[in-house]
């Protein structure tokens, strides 16, 4: 079960690296516009905010990878950062877009459950 939990955590970390790239570098490019349903004008107006948001997603990814790198001793780090992802996902789903619940919050909840079961 530990291998499955770590695989899910790694996937969540990779997802947050992808979100970092979308928000920091592709926000006003075709891929970013499609991913977030933005117009060019709206993306241009919010580009700096999106880059800041992307940086925070990078910190989440870094924390998850840090926890994974610690092996069995990294359980607390993994739990902390998965809780951060879960809370961010719940807040984003409630305030920005319900899709965030499925992209961010539910995977984090699954990762936490698998971690506690292992």
C-alpha atoms as a PDB file:
ATOM      1  CA  UNK A   1       0.000   0.000   0.000  1.00  0.00           C
ATOM      2  CA  UNK A   2       2.915   2.341   0.726  1.00  0.00           C
ATOM      3  CA  UNK A   3       4.099   2.081  -2.885  1.00  0.00           C
ATOM      4  CA  UNK A   4       0.624   2.999  -4.149  1.00  0.00           C
ATOM      5  CA  UNK A   5       0.391   5.924  -1.706  1.00  0.00           C
ATOM      6  CA  UNK A   6       3.784   7.222  -2.805  1.00  0.00           C
ATOM      7  CA  UNK A   7       2.861   6.819  -6.477  1.00  0.00           C
ATOM      8  CA  UNK A   8      -0.322   8.865  -5.949  1.00  0.00           C
ATOM      9  CA  UNK A   9       1.640  11.510  -4.030  1.00  0.00           C
ATOM     10  CA  UNK A  10       4.206  11.680  -6.849  1.00  0.00           C
ATOM     11  CA  UNK A  11       1.400  12.122  -9.395  1.00  0.00           C
ATOM     12  CA  UNK A  12      -0.083  14.936  -7.312  1.00  0.00           C
ATOM     13  CA  UNK A  13       3.370  16.545  -7.171  1.00  0.00           C
ATOM     14  CA  UNK A  14       3.719  16.273 -10.951  1.00  0.00           C
ATOM     15  CA  UNK A  15       0.242  17.751 -11.386  1.00  0.00           C
ATOM     16  CA  UNK A  16       1.302  20.769  -9.345  1.00  0.00           C
ATOM     17  CA  UNK A  17       4.457  21.180 -11.429  1.00  0.00           C
ATOM     18  CA  UNK A  18       2.196  21.168 -14.506  1.00  0.00           C
ATOM     19  CA  UNK A  19      -0.077  23.775 -12.893  1.00  0.00           C
ATOM     20  CA  UNK A  20       3.022  25.866 -12.083  1.00  0.00           C
ATOM     21  CA  UNK A  21       4.043  25.794 -15.760  1.00  0.00           C
ATOM     22  CA  UNK A  22       0.528  26.686 -16.909  1.00  0.00           C
ATOM     23  CA  UNK A  23       0.146  29.558 -14.470  1.00  0.00           C
ATOM     24  CA  UNK A  24       3.664  30.987 -14.575  1.00  0.00           C
ATOM     25  CA  UNK A  25       4.644  30.528 -18.203  1.00  0.00           C
ATOM     26  CA  UNK A  26       1.612  29.605 -20.318  1.00  0.00           C
ATOM     27  CA  UNK A  27      -1.140  31.710 -18.714  1.00  0.00           C
ATOM     28  CA  UNK A  28      -1.615  33.967 -21.731  1.00  0.00           C
ATOM     29  CA  UNK A  29      -0.597  31.354 -24.327  1.00  0.00           C
ATOM     30  CA  UNK A  30      -3.075  29.040 -26.121  1.00  0.00           C
ATOM     31  CA  UNK A  31      -2.517  26.135 -23.690  1.00  0.00           C
ATOM     32  CA  UNK A  32      -3.113  28.350 -20.652  1.00  0.00           C
ATOM     33  CA  UNK A  33      -6.109  30.076 -22.212  1.00  0.00           C
ATOM     34  CA  UNK A  34      -7.706  26.680 -22.926  1.00  0.00           C
ATOM     35  CA  UNK A  35      -6.873  25.198 -19.528  1.00  0.00           C
ATOM     36  CA  UNK A  36      -8.399  28.079 -17.604  1.00  0.00           C
ATOM     37  CA  UNK A  37     -11.081  29.214 -20.055  1.00  0.00           C
ATOM     38  CA  UNK A  38      -9.637  32.721 -20.254  1.00  0.00           C
ATOM     39  CA  UNK A  39      -9.775  35.356 -22.939  1.00  0.00           C
ATOM     40  CA  UNK A  40      -6.491  36.968 -23.996  1.00  0.00           C
ATOM     41  CA  UNK A  41      -7.588  40.219 -22.351  1.00  0.00           C
ATOM     42  CA  UNK A  42      -8.465  38.593 -19.034  1.00  0.00           C
ATOM     43  CA  UNK A  43      -5.230  36.593 -19.069  1.00  0.00           C
ATOM     44  CA  UNK A  44      -3.165  39.699 -19.782  1.00  0.00           C
ATOM     45  CA  UNK A  45      -4.840  41.542 -16.903  1.00  0.00           C
ATOM     46  CA  UNK A  46      -4.245  38.707 -14.420  1.00  0.00           C
ATOM     47  CA  UNK A  47      -0.850  37.427 -15.598  1.00  0.00           C
ATOM     48  CA  UNK A  48       1.108  38.629 -12.553  1.00  0.00           C
ATOM     49  CA  UNK A  49      -1.436  37.145 -10.140  1.00  0.00           C
ATOM     50  CA  UNK A  50      -1.406  33.847 -12.031  1.00  0.00           C
ATOM     51  CA  UNK A  51       2.391  33.689 -11.866  1.00  0.00           C
ATOM     52  CA  UNK A  52       2.219  34.176  -8.092  1.00  0.00           C
ATOM     53  CA  UNK A  53      -0.393  31.418  -7.885  1.00  0.00           C
ATOM     54  CA  UNK A  54       1.839  29.171  -9.963  1.00  0.00           C
ATOM     55  CA  UNK A  55       4.735  29.737  -7.609  1.00  0.00           C
ATOM     56  CA  UNK A  56       2.608  28.529  -4.689  1.00  0.00           C
ATOM     57  CA  UNK A  57       1.723  25.399  -6.654  1.00  0.00           C
ATOM     58  CA  UNK A  58       5.444  24.867  -7.106  1.00  0.00           C
ATOM     59  CA  UNK A  59       5.936  25.041  -3.350  1.00  0.00           C
ATOM     60  CA  UNK A  60       3.246  22.381  -2.907  1.00  0.00           C
ATOM     61  CA  UNK A  61       5.002  20.137  -5.429  1.00  0.00           C
ATOM     62  CA  UNK A  62       8.386  20.729  -3.787  1.00  0.00           C
ATOM     63  CA  UNK A  63       6.972  19.793  -0.389  1.00  0.00           C
ATOM     64  CA  UNK A  64       5.434  16.582  -1.707  1.00  0.00           C
ATOM     65  CA  UNK A  65       8.689  15.594  -3.427  1.00  0.00           C
ATOM     66  CA  UNK A  66      10.618  16.476  -0.286  1.00  0.00           C
ATOM     67  CA  UNK A  67       8.366  14.174   1.740  1.00  0.00           C
ATOM     68  CA  UNK A  68       8.857  11.396  -0.798  1.00  0.00           C
ATOM     69  CA  UNK A  69      12.633  11.847  -0.706  1.00  0.00           C
ATOM     70  CA  UNK A  70      12.649  11.258   3.056  1.00  0.00           C
ATOM     71  CA  UNK A  71      11.261   7.739   2.676  1.00  0.00           C
ATOM     72  CA  UNK A  72       9.440   6.337   5.679  1.00  0.00           C
ATOM     73  CA  UNK A  73      10.573   9.319   7.758  1.00  0.00           C
ATOM     74  CA  UNK A  74       8.720  11.714   5.463  1.00  0.00           C
ATOM     75  CA  UNK A  75       5.185  10.748   6.471  1.00  0.00           C
ATOM     76  CA  UNK A  76       4.629  13.950   8.443  1.00  0.00           C
ATOM     77  CA  UNK A  77       5.879  16.118   5.590  1.00  0.00           C
ATOM     78  CA  UNK A  78       3.653  14.277   3.098  1.00  0.00           C
ATOM     79  CA  UNK A  79       0.624  14.627   5.383  1.00  0.00           C
ATOM     80  CA  UNK A  80       1.243  18.353   5.859  1.00  0.00           C
ATOM     81  CA  UNK A  81       1.581  19.114   2.152  1.00  0.00           C
ATOM     82  CA  UNK A  82      -1.331  16.864   1.155  1.00  0.00           C
ATOM     83  CA  UNK A  83      -3.468  18.746   3.700  1.00  0.00           C
ATOM     84  CA  UNK A  84      -2.304  22.028   2.124  1.00  0.00           C
ATOM     85  CA  UNK A  85      -3.288  20.727  -1.326  1.00  0.00           C
ATOM     86  CA  UNK A  86      -6.646  19.511   0.014  1.00  0.00           C
ATOM     87  CA  UNK A  87      -7.453  22.831   1.685  1.00  0.00           C
ATOM     88  CA  UNK A  88      -6.373  24.814  -1.393  1.00  0.00           C
ATOM     89  CA  UNK A  89      -8.506  22.541  -3.568  1.00  0.00           C
ATOM     90  CA  UNK A  90     -11.564  22.910  -1.360  1.00  0.00           C
ATOM     91  CA  UNK A  91     -11.166  26.674  -1.242  1.00  0.00           C
ATOM     92  CA  UNK A  92     -10.622  26.885  -4.995  1.00  0.00           C
ATOM     93  CA  UNK A  93     -13.660  24.715  -5.671  1.00  0.00           C
ATOM     94  CA  UNK A  94     -15.800  26.880  -3.395  1.00  0.00           C
ATOM     95  CA  UNK A  95     -14.598  30.231  -4.713  1.00  0.00           C
ATOM     96  CA  UNK A  96     -13.254  29.826  -8.247  1.00  0.00           C
ATOM     97  CA  UNK A  97     -14.257  26.681 -10.132  1.00  0.00           C
ATOM     98  CA  UNK A  98     -15.904  23.449  -9.002  1.00  0.00           C
ATOM     99  CA  UNK A  99     -13.543  21.508 -11.312  1.00  0.00           C
ATOM    100  CA  UNK A 100     -10.740  22.200  -8.813  1.00  0.00           C
ATOM    101  CA  UNK A 101     -12.460  19.812  -6.412  1.00  0.00           C
ATOM    102  CA  UNK A 102     -11.841  16.933  -8.820  1.00  0.00           C
ATOM    103  CA  UNK A 103      -8.415  18.032 -10.053  1.00  0.00           C
ATOM    104  CA  UNK A 104      -6.863  18.972  -6.725  1.00  0.00           C
ATOM    105  CA  UNK A 105      -8.910  18.227  -3.594  1.00  0.00           C
ATOM    106  CA  UNK A 106     -10.099  14.677  -4.277  1.00  0.00           C
ATOM    107  CA  UNK A 107      -6.662  13.414  -5.374  1.00  0.00           C
ATOM    108  CA  UNK A 108      -5.173  14.907  -2.187  1.00  0.00           C
ATOM    109  CA  UNK A 109      -7.861  13.198  -0.084  1.00  0.00           C
ATOM    110  CA  UNK A 110      -7.107   9.899  -1.833  1.00  0.00           C
ATOM    111  CA  UNK A 111      -3.392  10.399  -1.197  1.00  0.00           C
ATOM    112  CA  UNK A 112      -4.052  11.057   2.488  1.00  0.00           C
ATOM    113  CA  UNK A 113      -6.299   8.002   2.795  1.00  0.00           C
ATOM    114  CA  UNK A 114      -3.713   5.769   1.118  1.00  0.00           C
ATOM    115  CA  UNK A 115      -0.976   7.197   3.306  1.00  0.00           C
ATOM    116  CA  UNK A 116      -2.959   6.480   6.477  1.00  0.00           C
ATOM    117  CA  UNK A 117      -3.763   2.951   5.270  1.00  0.00           C
ATOM    118  CA  UNK A 118      -0.108   2.122   4.581  1.00  0.00           C
END
